[in-house]
Amino acid sequence: MSGPSVIITGGASGIGAATARRVVRAGGKVGLIDLDVERADVLVRELAPHVVVVRADVTKEAEVRAAHDELAAQLPPIDGLVNSAAVTPTSAPIEDLAPEAFDRVLNSHVTGTYVPCRVIGSAMARRGAGAIVNLASVLSFRSGPVLAYGAGKAGVVSLTEALAVHWARKGVRVNAVAPGWTETPFITRRRADFDTICAATPMGRLLQPAEVAEVIWFLLSPAASGMTGATVPCDGGYIAGGAWAAYGGFPGP
């Protein structure tokens, strides 16, 4: 796959930015939709002239439609959509997690995936071609104390499967990636927890955003032409290793 035109939400940093770099490295063009345009502008300057950015809230359909129209006017026909925009989770217990705070995180992850799919995915379906990759999480499958985040990411998996079937005969594939602990700006604020995180991961380390971006790139590409409705873990073995603690932990080198 060379020269694709891909829209990435939340592409200013982390996995979204790594995906933008991967697309550009393949000769493609990228449209970023992000609220943090200052940070996005840094990436635009790095990857110029292959990247453009538009500010929009991905939970608001009118803003996403305006952003899509602007990007579509500046880019070749859109081949792909990567939904990585979302707010950071909170680990407050349910007794301290106000419904408003729960709604904010859930809305960011579920509605913030649904709206770009509705706007941009529907445009792809009308053209009869396209690929969408949504960002799920290992917490889509393994519960944790981040209640709203886990529920939201589980919702992303369900939405991915539903849209994959909905558009399967219209040439649009919809898949998701479930990253594990990845060295993004959110995680780097928790350096004190790195040893614990690595001890819970069979590979014994954090993932790099570029590693997740390679899986996203594969799912966008014709190499994954037979895949739709799948959620692919990229987690250093985190999901697979869940039961090993009861048997003495992970094998050593």
Protein backbone atom coordinates (compact mmCIF):
# COMPACT_ATOMS: atom_id res chain seq x y z
CA MET A 1 0.00 0.00 0.00
CA SER A 2 1.59 3.26 -1.08
CA GLY A 3 0.34 6.80 -1.11
CA PRO A 4 -2.78 6.40 1.05
CA SER A 5 -4.78 9.35 2.37
CA VAL A 6 -5.64 8.81 6.04
CA ILE A 7 -7.50 10.87 8.64
CA ILE A 8 -6.29 10.37 12.22
CA THR A 9 -8.20 11.70 15.20
CA GLY A 10 -6.09 12.53 18.22
CA GLY A 11 -3.04 12.42 16.00
CA ALA A 12 -1.01 15.13 17.73
CA SER A 13 0.89 12.75 20.02
CA GLY A 14 1.37 9.17 21.14
CA ILE A 15 0.02 6.35 18.98
CA GLY A 16 -1.81 8.76 16.67
CA ALA A 17 1.37 10.69 15.90
CA ALA A 18 3.33 7.46 15.37
CA THR A 19 0.67 6.33 12.92
CA ALA A 20 0.92 9.62 11.05
CA ARG A 21 4.67 9.11 10.69
CA ARG A 22 4.09 5.55 9.43
CA VAL A 23 1.62 6.69 6.79
CA VAL A 24 3.92 9.46 5.59
CA ARG A 25 6.86 7.06 5.47
CA ALA A 26 4.82 5.00 3.01
CA GLY A 27 4.31 8.05 0.82
CA GLY A 28 0.85 8.89 2.12
CA LYS A 29 -0.98 12.03 3.17
CA VAL A 30 -2.46 12.58 6.64
CA GLY A 31 -5.23 14.77 7.94
CA LEU A 32 -5.15 15.29 11.70
CA ILE A 33 -8.28 16.08 13.70
CA ASP A 34 -7.30 17.23 17.17
CA LEU A 35 -8.16 19.78 19.82
CA ASP A 36 -4.48 20.34 20.66
CA VAL A 37 -3.55 22.16 17.47
CA GLU A 38 -0.36 23.61 18.97
CA ARG A 39 1.05 20.14 19.53
CA ALA A 40 -0.33 18.99 16.18
CA ASP A 41 1.42 21.88 14.45
CA VAL A 42 4.75 20.52 15.70
CA LEU A 43 4.00 17.24 13.90
CA VAL A 44 2.83 19.13 10.81
CA ARG A 45 6.16 20.95 10.64
CA GLU A 46 8.04 17.67 11.10
CA LEU A 47 6.15 15.91 8.32
CA ALA A 48 5.47 18.84 5.99
CA PRO A 49 4.08 18.98 3.37
CA HIS A 50 2.35 15.64 3.89
CA VAL A 51 0.21 16.51 6.93
CA VAL A 52 -2.56 19.03 7.55
CA VAL A 53 -4.44 19.64 10.78
CA VAL A 54 -7.96 20.81 11.62
CA ARG A 55 -9.22 21.55 15.11
CA ALA A 56 -12.42 19.72 16.07
CA ASP A 57 -14.10 17.95 18.99
CA VAL A 58 -14.66 14.37 17.81
CA THR A 59 -17.78 14.01 19.96
CA LYS A 60 -19.56 16.82 18.04
CA GLU A 61 -20.90 15.83 14.66
CA ALA A 62 -21.08 19.34 13.19
CA GLU A 63 -17.41 19.94 14.00
CA VAL A 64 -16.34 16.58 12.57
CA ARG A 65 -18.32 17.18 9.38
CA ALA A 66 -16.70 20.58 8.93
CA ALA A 67 -13.26 19.07 9.60
CA HIS A 68 -13.87 16.25 7.14
CA ASP A 69 -15.01 18.68 4.44
CA GLU A 70 -11.91 20.81 4.96
CA LEU A 71 -9.55 17.84 4.89
CA ALA A 72 -11.27 16.28 1.89
CA ALA A 73 -10.67 19.51 -0.01
CA GLN A 74 -6.93 19.39 0.75
CA LEU A 75 -6.20 15.66 0.49
CA PRO A 76 -6.63 12.93 -2.12
CA PRO A 77 -9.73 10.74 -1.67
CA ILE A 78 -9.73 9.40 1.90
CA ASP A 79 -8.63 5.76 2.12
CA GLY A 80 -8.42 5.32 5.89
CA LEU A 81 -9.58 6.53 9.27
CA VAL A 82 -7.81 5.94 12.57
CA ASN A 83 -9.74 6.83 15.72
CA SER A 84 -7.29 7.51 18.54
CA ALA A 85 -8.68 10.68 20.15
CA ALA A 86 -9.77 10.30 23.77
CA VAL A 87 -9.36 11.78 27.23
CA THR A 88 -7.17 10.15 29.86
CA PRO A 89 -8.73 7.73 32.35
CA THR A 90 -9.24 8.15 36.06
CA SER A 91 -8.84 5.35 38.61
CA ALA A 92 -11.26 6.80 41.17
CA PRO A 93 -13.45 4.15 42.86
CA ILE A 94 -17.14 4.20 42.03
CA GLU A 95 -17.96 5.87 45.34
CA ASP A 96 -15.82 8.85 44.28
CA LEU A 97 -16.53 8.81 40.55
CA ALA A 98 -19.35 11.24 39.83
CA PRO A 99 -21.71 10.34 36.98
CA GLU A 100 -20.58 13.48 35.16
CA ALA A 101 -16.95 12.33 35.26
CA PHE A 102 -17.97 8.83 34.13
CA ASP A 103 -19.99 10.27 31.25
CA ARG A 104 -17.10 12.50 30.14
CA VAL A 105 -14.68 9.58 29.71
CA LEU A 106 -17.29 7.22 28.23
CA ASN A 107 -18.46 9.89 25.79
CA SER A 108 -14.89 10.60 24.71
CA HIS A 109 -14.13 7.00 23.84
CA VAL A 110 -17.45 5.69 22.51
CA THR A 111 -19.09 8.76 20.99
CA GLY A 112 -15.66 10.04 19.98
CA THR A 113 -15.26 6.89 17.89
CA TYR A 114 -18.86 6.69 16.70
CA VAL A 115 -19.08 10.23 15.29
CA PRO A 116 -15.97 10.08 13.03
CA CYS A 117 -17.10 6.63 11.86
CA ARG A 118 -20.57 8.02 11.10
CA VAL A 119 -19.20 10.98 9.15
CA ILE A 120 -16.02 9.68 7.51
CA GLY A 121 -16.86 5.99 7.38
CA SER A 122 -20.19 6.74 5.71
CA ALA A 123 -18.37 8.80 3.09
CA MET A 124 -16.06 5.85 2.44
CA ALA A 125 -19.05 3.52 2.13
CA ARG A 126 -20.58 5.82 -0.49
CA ARG A 127 -17.31 5.60 -2.44
CA GLY A 128 -17.22 1.83 -1.95
CA ALA A 129 -13.77 1.57 -0.38
CA GLY A 130 -11.92 2.30 2.84
CA ALA A 131 -10.45 0.96 6.07
CA ILE A 132 -11.09 2.08 9.64
CA VAL A 133 -8.97 1.24 12.67
CA ASN A 134 -10.30 2.06 16.12
CA LEU A 135 -8.20 2.20 19.28
CA ALA A 136 -9.44 -0.27 21.86
CA SER A 137 -7.32 -1.44 24.83
CA VAL A 138 -6.33 -4.50 26.80
CA LEU A 139 -8.85 -3.13 29.31
CA SER A 140 -11.54 -3.89 26.75
CA PHE A 141 -11.02 -7.50 27.85
CA ARG A 142 -9.39 -7.33 31.30
CA SER A 143 -11.12 -5.15 33.87
CA GLY A 144 -9.21 -2.60 35.89
CA PRO A 145 -9.87 0.25 38.31
CA VAL A 146 -10.37 2.75 35.47
CA LEU A 147 -14.11 2.12 35.32
CA ALA A 148 -15.21 4.58 32.63
CA TYR A 149 -12.14 3.95 30.47
CA GLY A 150 -12.61 0.17 30.57
CA ALA A 151 -16.31 0.43 29.80
CA GLY A 152 -15.59 2.85 26.97
CA LYS A 153 -12.93 0.67 25.41
CA ALA A 154 -15.20 -2.37 25.64
CA GLY A 155 -17.77 -0.27 23.80
CA VAL A 156 -15.23 0.47 21.08
CA VAL A 157 -14.81 -3.27 20.46
CA SER A 158 -18.57 -3.78 20.18
CA LEU A 159 -18.96 -0.77 17.90
CA THR A 160 -16.11 -2.03 15.71
CA GLU A 161 -17.79 -5.40 15.25
CA ALA A 162 -21.19 -3.86 14.48
CA LEU A 163 -19.83 -1.43 11.89
CA ALA A 164 -17.68 -4.14 10.31
CA VAL A 165 -20.81 -6.13 9.53
CA HIS A 166 -22.79 -3.03 8.54
CA TRP A 167 -20.27 -2.01 5.88
CA ALA A 168 -18.84 -5.41 4.92
CA ARG A 169 -20.51 -5.42 1.48
CA LYS A 170 -19.79 -1.75 0.87
CA GLY A 171 -16.03 -2.14 0.69
CA VAL A 172 -15.24 -0.66 4.11
CA ARG A 173 -13.30 -2.76 6.60
CA VAL A 174 -13.49 -1.89 10.31
CA ASN A 175 -11.00 -3.32 12.80
CA ALA A 176 -9.49 -2.31 16.13
CA VAL A 177 -6.15 -2.54 17.89
CA ALA A 178 -5.97 -3.21 21.62
CA PRO A 179 -2.69 -1.75 22.88
CA GLY A 180 -1.19 -2.69 26.20
CA TRP A 181 0.95 -0.38 28.30
CA THR A 182 2.52 1.94 25.72
CA GLU A 183 5.01 4.73 26.32
CA THR A 184 2.72 7.64 25.51
CA PRO A 185 2.58 11.05 27.28
CA PHE A 186 -0.11 9.73 29.63
CA ILE A 187 1.98 6.75 30.69
CA THR A 188 5.23 8.68 31.05
CA ARG A 189 3.57 10.68 33.84
CA ARG A 190 3.46 7.40 35.78
CA ARG A 191 7.17 6.55 35.72
CA ALA A 192 7.01 5.44 39.35
CA ASP A 193 4.75 2.57 38.20
CA PHE A 194 6.99 1.37 35.36
CA ASP A 195 8.49 -1.53 37.31
CA THR A 196 5.04 -2.79 38.31
CA ILE A 197 3.71 -2.40 34.78
CA CYS A 198 6.66 -4.23 33.25
CA ALA A 199 6.41 -7.01 35.83
CA ALA A 200 2.78 -7.58 34.75
CA THR A 201 3.75 -7.81 31.06
CA PRO A 202 5.29 -11.07 29.78
CA MET A 203 7.69 -9.18 27.49
CA GLY A 204 8.81 -7.22 30.54
CA ARG A 205 8.71 -3.78 28.96
CA LEU A 206 6.50 -0.99 27.73
CA LEU A 207 5.51 -0.94 24.08
CA GLN A 208 6.58 1.92 21.86
CA PRO A 209 3.93 3.88 19.92
CA ALA A 210 5.66 2.95 16.66
CA GLU A 211 5.07 -0.75 17.41
CA VAL A 212 1.33 -0.18 17.74
CA ALA A 213 1.39 2.02 14.63
CA GLU A 214 2.79 -0.90 12.61
CA VAL A 215 -0.25 -3.01 13.53
CA ILE A 216 -2.57 -0.13 12.65
CA TRP A 217 -0.76 0.25 9.33
CA PHE A 218 -1.21 -3.45 8.60
CA LEU A 219 -4.95 -3.22 9.27
CA LEU A 220 -5.24 -0.18 7.01
CA SER A 221 -3.35 -1.90 4.20
CA PRO A 222 -4.48 -4.40 1.54
CA ALA A 223 -2.41 -7.01 3.40
CA ALA A 224 -5.38 -7.20 5.79
CA SER A 225 -7.96 -7.33 3.00
CA GLY A 226 -9.71 -10.36 4.50
CA MET A 227 -9.97 -8.90 8.00
CA THR A 228 -12.93 -6.99 9.34
CA GLY A 229 -14.52 -6.95 12.79
CA ALA A 230 -11.28 -8.04 14.46
CA THR A 231 -9.64 -6.56 17.54
CA VAL A 232 -5.92 -7.28 17.49
CA PRO A 233 -3.96 -7.11 20.77
CA CYS A 234 -0.58 -5.38 20.66
CA ASP A 235 0.22 -5.72 24.33
CA GLY A 236 3.49 -7.54 24.95
CA GLY A 237 1.53 -10.63 25.97
CA TYR A 238 -0.44 -8.85 28.72
CA ILE A 239 -3.80 -10.50 27.93
CA ALA A 240 -2.30 -13.95 27.38
CA GLY A 241 -0.32 -13.77 30.63
CA GLY A 242 -3.25 -13.06 32.94
CA ALA A 243 -3.30 -16.47 34.67
CA TRP A 244 0.46 -16.97 35.08
CA ALA A 245 0.71 -15.25 38.48
CA ALA A 246 -1.05 -18.22 40.09
CA TYR A 247 1.68 -20.51 38.74
CA GLY A 248 4.67 -18.55 39.97
CA GLY A 249 4.83 -15.81 37.39
CA PHE A 250 6.31 -15.57 33.92
CA PRO A 251 9.23 -17.74 32.82
CA GLY A 252 12.58 -15.96 32.90
CA PRO A 253 15.07 -15.55 30.06
